[in-house]
Amino acid sequence: MASGHGHQPAHHDDHAHAGPKLYWIFAAILCFITFIEWIIFKKKEDYGISNGVMIWTLIGLSIVKFIMVCGWYMHLRFDNKMLTQIFVFSGLLAMGVFLILKLSLPEVG
């Protein structure tokens, strides 16, 4: 029975979802980035990486992974743009808090 109000169904399927192959590719990329993070953390002395470079590199790689997971696996690219803006704002806010804490606390060890 039609309601006559012209409401759309709750779930719009007007975008194509990727197949399993592309999800596996993204999973492999995420695993590779995680492996690089592990190498940087465990072998920083072997490669002469300072703590500061290590921290900022790990933060950068974590941001890339966050964007990939939110944009791809959570399908944000298909959702309302306001949801993307909320995620971006929240991420920037978290990074700002981290940066303020990093700059205001004394160096440890």
N, C-alpha and C. Protein backbone atom coordinates (compact mmCIF):
# COMPACT_ATOMS: atom_id res chain seq x y z
N MET A 1 0.84 -1.17 0.00
CA MET A 1 0.00 0.00 0.00
C MET A 1 0.89 1.23 0.00
N ALA A 2 0.72 2.10 -0.96
CA ALA A 2 1.55 3.30 -1.09
C ALA A 2 1.05 4.36 -0.13
N SER A 3 1.98 5.10 0.43
CA SER A 3 1.61 6.13 1.39
C SER A 3 1.19 7.42 0.70
N GLY A 4 1.59 7.59 -0.57
CA GLY A 4 1.20 8.78 -1.28
C GLY A 4 2.08 9.98 -0.99
N HIS A 5 3.06 9.82 -0.13
CA HIS A 5 3.93 10.95 0.23
C HIS A 5 5.17 11.03 -0.64
N GLY A 6 5.41 10.04 -1.47
CA GLY A 6 6.57 10.06 -2.35
C GLY A 6 7.89 9.84 -1.63
N HIS A 7 7.88 9.18 -0.48
CA HIS A 7 9.12 8.92 0.26
C HIS A 7 9.95 7.87 -0.45
N GLN A 8 11.23 8.06 -0.42
CA GLN A 8 12.17 7.11 -0.98
C GLN A 8 12.38 5.98 0.02
N PRO A 9 12.79 4.80 -0.43
CA PRO A 9 13.14 3.74 0.51
C PRO A 9 14.31 4.17 1.37
N ALA A 10 14.44 3.55 2.54
CA ALA A 10 15.49 3.93 3.49
C ALA A 10 16.88 3.70 2.94
N HIS A 11 17.06 2.69 2.08
CA HIS A 11 18.39 2.37 1.56
C HIS A 11 18.41 2.62 0.06
N HIS A 12 19.24 3.55 -0.37
CA HIS A 12 19.39 3.82 -1.79
C HIS A 12 20.56 3.00 -2.32
N ASP A 13 20.32 2.30 -3.40
CA ASP A 13 21.40 1.51 -3.98
C ASP A 13 21.76 2.10 -5.34
N ASP A 14 21.95 3.44 -5.37
CA ASP A 14 22.25 4.10 -6.63
C ASP A 14 23.76 4.21 -6.87
N HIS A 15 24.55 3.53 -6.10
CA HIS A 15 26.00 3.51 -6.32
C HIS A 15 26.47 2.06 -6.37
N ALA A 16 27.48 1.86 -7.14
CA ALA A 16 28.00 0.49 -7.29
C ALA A 16 29.02 0.20 -6.21
N HIS A 17 28.88 -0.94 -5.59
CA HIS A 17 29.86 -1.38 -4.61
C HIS A 17 30.94 -2.16 -5.31
N ALA A 18 32.12 -2.07 -4.78
CA ALA A 18 33.25 -2.80 -5.34
C ALA A 18 33.12 -4.29 -5.03
N GLY A 19 33.78 -5.07 -5.82
CA GLY A 19 33.77 -6.51 -5.60
C GLY A 19 34.79 -6.90 -4.55
N PRO A 20 34.80 -8.16 -4.17
CA PRO A 20 35.73 -8.65 -3.14
C PRO A 20 37.21 -8.41 -3.50
N LYS A 21 37.54 -8.46 -4.77
CA LYS A 21 38.94 -8.28 -5.19
C LYS A 21 39.48 -6.93 -4.72
N LEU A 22 38.68 -5.88 -4.90
CA LEU A 22 39.14 -4.54 -4.50
C LEU A 22 39.25 -4.41 -2.99
N TYR A 23 38.36 -5.09 -2.25
CA TYR A 23 38.47 -5.08 -0.79
C TYR A 23 39.75 -5.79 -0.34
N TRP A 24 40.11 -6.88 -1.02
CA TRP A 24 41.35 -7.58 -0.69
C TRP A 24 42.57 -6.71 -1.00
N ILE A 25 42.50 -5.95 -2.09
CA ILE A 25 43.61 -5.04 -2.43
C ILE A 25 43.78 -3.99 -1.34
N PHE A 26 42.67 -3.39 -0.91
CA PHE A 26 42.75 -2.39 0.16
C PHE A 26 43.25 -3.01 1.45
N ALA A 27 42.81 -4.23 1.75
CA ALA A 27 43.29 -4.92 2.96
C ALA A 27 44.79 -5.16 2.87
N ALA A 28 45.28 -5.54 1.70
CA ALA A 28 46.72 -5.76 1.52
C ALA A 28 47.50 -4.46 1.70
N ILE A 29 46.96 -3.36 1.17
CA ILE A 29 47.62 -2.06 1.35
C ILE A 29 47.68 -1.69 2.82
N LEU A 30 46.57 -1.89 3.54
CA LEU A 30 46.54 -1.59 4.97
C LEU A 30 47.54 -2.46 5.74
N CYS A 31 47.63 -3.72 5.37
CA CYS A 31 48.62 -4.61 6.01
C CYS A 31 50.03 -4.15 5.72
N PHE A 32 50.29 -3.73 4.49
CA PHE A 32 51.62 -3.25 4.12
C PHE A 32 51.98 -1.99 4.92
N ILE A 33 51.04 -1.06 5.04
CA ILE A 33 51.30 0.15 5.82
C ILE A 33 51.57 -0.21 7.28
N THR A 34 50.81 -1.15 7.82
CA THR A 34 51.03 -1.59 9.20
C THR A 34 52.41 -2.22 9.35
N PHE A 35 52.83 -3.00 8.36
CA PHE A 35 54.17 -3.61 8.38
C PHE A 35 55.24 -2.52 8.37
N ILE A 36 55.07 -1.50 7.55
CA ILE A 36 56.02 -0.38 7.50
C ILE A 36 56.07 0.32 8.86
N GLU A 37 54.91 0.52 9.48
CA GLU A 37 54.88 1.13 10.81
C GLU A 37 55.66 0.28 11.81
N TRP A 38 55.48 -1.02 11.76
CA TRP A 38 56.17 -1.93 12.66
C TRP A 38 57.68 -1.85 12.44
N ILE A 39 58.10 -1.86 11.17
CA ILE A 39 59.53 -1.76 10.86
C ILE A 39 60.11 -0.46 11.40
N ILE A 40 59.41 0.64 11.18
CA ILE A 40 59.88 1.94 11.66
C ILE A 40 60.03 1.91 13.18
N PHE A 41 59.05 1.34 13.87
CA PHE A 41 59.08 1.31 15.33
C PHE A 41 60.18 0.39 15.86
N LYS A 42 60.29 -0.80 15.30
CA LYS A 42 61.22 -1.80 15.82
C LYS A 42 62.67 -1.58 15.37
N LYS A 43 62.86 -1.00 14.20
CA LYS A 43 64.20 -0.91 13.62
C LYS A 43 64.68 0.53 13.48
N LYS A 44 64.09 1.45 14.24
CA LYS A 44 64.46 2.86 14.06
C LYS A 44 65.94 3.10 14.33
N GLU A 45 66.52 2.41 15.31
CA GLU A 45 67.95 2.60 15.59
C GLU A 45 68.80 2.09 14.45
N ASP A 46 68.40 0.96 13.85
CA ASP A 46 69.16 0.38 12.73
C ASP A 46 69.21 1.33 11.53
N TYR A 47 68.14 2.08 11.34
CA TYR A 47 68.06 2.99 10.20
C TYR A 47 68.38 4.43 10.59
N GLY A 48 68.70 4.67 11.84
CA GLY A 48 69.05 6.02 12.30
C GLY A 48 67.88 6.98 12.32
N ILE A 49 66.71 6.46 12.63
CA ILE A 49 65.51 7.30 12.67
C ILE A 49 65.35 7.86 14.08
N SER A 50 65.23 9.18 14.17
CA SER A 50 65.05 9.81 15.49
C SER A 50 63.63 9.58 15.99
N ASN A 51 63.44 9.81 17.29
CA ASN A 51 62.10 9.65 17.87
C ASN A 51 61.10 10.59 17.24
N GLY A 52 61.51 11.84 17.00
CA GLY A 52 60.61 12.82 16.39
C GLY A 52 60.16 12.40 15.00
N VAL A 53 61.11 11.95 14.18
CA VAL A 53 60.77 11.50 12.82
C VAL A 53 59.89 10.27 12.90
N MET A 54 60.20 9.37 13.81
CA MET A 54 59.39 8.17 13.97
C MET A 54 57.95 8.53 14.33
N ILE A 55 57.78 9.39 15.31
CA ILE A 55 56.44 9.76 15.77
C ILE A 55 55.63 10.40 14.64
N TRP A 56 56.21 11.37 13.95
CA TRP A 56 55.46 12.07 12.90
C TRP A 56 55.20 11.16 11.69
N THR A 57 56.12 10.26 11.40
CA THR A 57 55.89 9.30 10.32
C THR A 57 54.76 8.34 10.67
N LEU A 58 54.78 7.85 11.92
CA LEU A 58 53.71 6.95 12.35
C LEU A 58 52.36 7.66 12.38
N ILE A 59 52.35 8.91 12.78
CA ILE A 59 51.09 9.68 12.76
C ILE A 59 50.59 9.83 11.33
N GLY A 60 51.49 10.17 10.42
CA GLY A 60 51.10 10.32 9.02
C GLY A 60 50.54 9.03 8.43
N LEU A 61 51.22 7.92 8.70
CA LEU A 61 50.74 6.63 8.19
C LEU A 61 49.41 6.25 8.83
N SER A 62 49.24 6.59 10.10
CA SER A 62 47.96 6.30 10.78
C SER A 62 46.83 7.12 10.17
N ILE A 63 47.12 8.35 9.79
CA ILE A 63 46.10 9.20 9.15
C ILE A 63 45.69 8.59 7.81
N VAL A 64 46.67 8.11 7.05
CA VAL A 64 46.37 7.47 5.77
C VAL A 64 45.47 6.25 5.99
N LYS A 65 45.81 5.44 6.99
CA LYS A 65 44.98 4.26 7.27
C LYS A 65 43.58 4.66 7.73
N PHE A 66 43.48 5.68 8.56
CA PHE A 66 42.18 6.17 9.03
C PHE A 66 41.31 6.59 7.85
N ILE A 67 41.90 7.34 6.93
CA ILE A 67 41.16 7.80 5.76
C ILE A 67 40.73 6.62 4.90
N MET A 68 41.61 5.66 4.72
CA MET A 68 41.27 4.49 3.92
C MET A 68 40.13 3.70 4.55
N VAL A 69 40.20 3.47 5.85
CA VAL A 69 39.17 2.68 6.52
C VAL A 69 37.84 3.43 6.51
N CYS A 70 37.85 4.70 6.86
CA CYS A 70 36.60 5.47 6.89
C CYS A 70 36.02 5.64 5.49
N GLY A 71 36.86 5.94 4.54
CA GLY A 71 36.37 6.19 3.19
C GLY A 71 35.98 4.95 2.43
N TRP A 72 36.68 3.86 2.69
CA TRP A 72 36.44 2.66 1.89
C TRP A 72 35.55 1.66 2.60
N TYR A 73 35.99 1.19 3.76
CA TYR A 73 35.24 0.14 4.45
C TYR A 73 33.96 0.66 5.10
N MET A 74 33.96 1.92 5.52
CA MET A 74 32.75 2.48 6.12
C MET A 74 31.87 3.15 5.06
N HIS A 75 32.31 3.14 3.82
CA HIS A 75 31.55 3.66 2.69
C HIS A 75 31.19 5.13 2.84
N LEU A 76 32.03 5.92 3.48
CA LEU A 76 31.73 7.34 3.64
C LEU A 76 31.62 8.06 2.30
N ARG A 77 32.30 7.56 1.30
CA ARG A 77 32.25 8.23 0.01
C ARG A 77 30.85 8.20 -0.60
N PHE A 78 29.98 7.31 -0.12
CA PHE A 78 28.62 7.23 -0.63
C PHE A 78 27.61 7.90 0.29
N ASP A 79 28.02 8.26 1.50
CA ASP A 79 27.09 8.81 2.48
C ASP A 79 26.95 10.32 2.33
N ASN A 80 26.08 10.85 3.14
CA ASN A 80 25.86 12.29 3.20
C ASN A 80 27.19 12.99 3.49
N LYS A 81 27.45 14.07 2.80
CA LYS A 81 28.72 14.80 2.97
C LYS A 81 28.89 15.33 4.39
N MET A 82 27.78 15.55 5.10
CA MET A 82 27.88 16.02 6.48
C MET A 82 28.58 14.99 7.36
N LEU A 83 28.36 13.70 7.10
CA LEU A 83 29.05 12.66 7.87
C LEU A 83 30.56 12.72 7.63
N THR A 84 30.96 12.95 6.39
CA THR A 84 32.38 13.10 6.08
C THR A 84 32.95 14.31 6.81
N GLN A 85 32.21 15.40 6.81
CA GLN A 85 32.66 16.61 7.50
C GLN A 85 32.80 16.38 9.00
N ILE A 86 31.89 15.61 9.58
CA ILE A 86 31.98 15.29 11.01
C ILE A 86 33.24 14.48 11.28
N PHE A 87 33.52 13.47 10.45
CA PHE A 87 34.73 12.66 10.63
C PHE A 87 35.99 13.51 10.47
N VAL A 88 36.01 14.38 9.47
CA VAL A 88 37.18 15.23 9.25
C VAL A 88 37.37 16.17 10.43
N PHE A 89 36.30 16.81 10.87
CA PHE A 89 36.39 17.72 12.00
C PHE A 89 36.87 16.99 13.26
N SER A 90 36.32 15.81 13.51
CA SER A 90 36.72 15.04 14.69
C SER A 90 38.19 14.64 14.62
N GLY A 91 38.62 14.23 13.44
CA GLY A 91 40.03 13.87 13.27
C GLY A 91 40.95 15.05 13.47
N LEU A 92 40.58 16.20 12.91
CA LEU A 92 41.40 17.41 13.08
C LEU A 92 41.41 17.85 14.55
N LEU A 93 40.27 17.75 15.21
CA LEU A 93 40.20 18.10 16.62
C LEU A 93 41.11 17.19 17.45
N ALA A 94 41.07 15.89 17.19
CA ALA A 94 41.92 14.95 17.92
C ALA A 94 43.39 15.25 17.67
N MET A 95 43.75 15.53 16.40
CA MET A 95 45.15 15.86 16.10
C MET A 95 45.56 17.16 16.78
N GLY A 96 44.66 18.12 16.84
CA GLY A 96 44.96 19.38 17.52
C GLY A 96 45.21 19.18 19.00
N VAL A 97 44.37 18.37 19.64
CA VAL A 97 44.56 18.08 21.07
C VAL A 97 45.90 17.37 21.27
N PHE A 98 46.21 16.41 20.42
CA PHE A 98 47.49 15.70 20.52
C PHE A 98 48.65 16.67 20.36
N LEU A 99 48.57 17.54 19.37
CA LEU A 99 49.65 18.48 19.12
C LEU A 99 49.84 19.44 20.30
N ILE A 100 48.74 19.94 20.85
CA ILE A 100 48.84 20.83 22.01
C ILE A 100 49.48 20.09 23.19
N LEU A 101 49.07 18.87 23.44
CA LEU A 101 49.66 18.10 24.53
C LEU A 101 51.14 17.82 24.27
N LYS A 102 51.45 17.47 23.03
CA LYS A 102 52.84 17.18 22.66
C LYS A 102 53.73 18.39 22.89
N LEU A 103 53.25 19.56 22.53
CA LEU A 103 54.05 20.78 22.65
C LEU A 103 54.10 21.32 24.08
N SER A 104 53.11 20.97 24.89
CA SER A 104 53.07 21.54 26.24
C SER A 104 53.68 20.64 27.30
N LEU A 105 53.83 19.35 27.03
CA LEU A 105 54.40 18.44 28.02
C LEU A 105 55.90 18.33 27.84
N PRO A 106 56.62 18.11 28.92
CA PRO A 106 58.07 17.96 28.79
C PRO A 106 58.42 16.65 28.07
N GLU A 107 59.57 16.66 27.43
CA GLU A 107 60.06 15.45 26.74
C GLU A 107 60.33 14.35 27.76
N VAL A 108 59.99 13.14 27.38
CA VAL A 108 60.20 11.98 28.26
C VAL A 108 61.32 11.12 27.64
N GLY A 109 62.27 10.73 28.48
CA GLY A 109 63.28 9.79 28.14
C GLY A 109 64.14 10.12 27.02
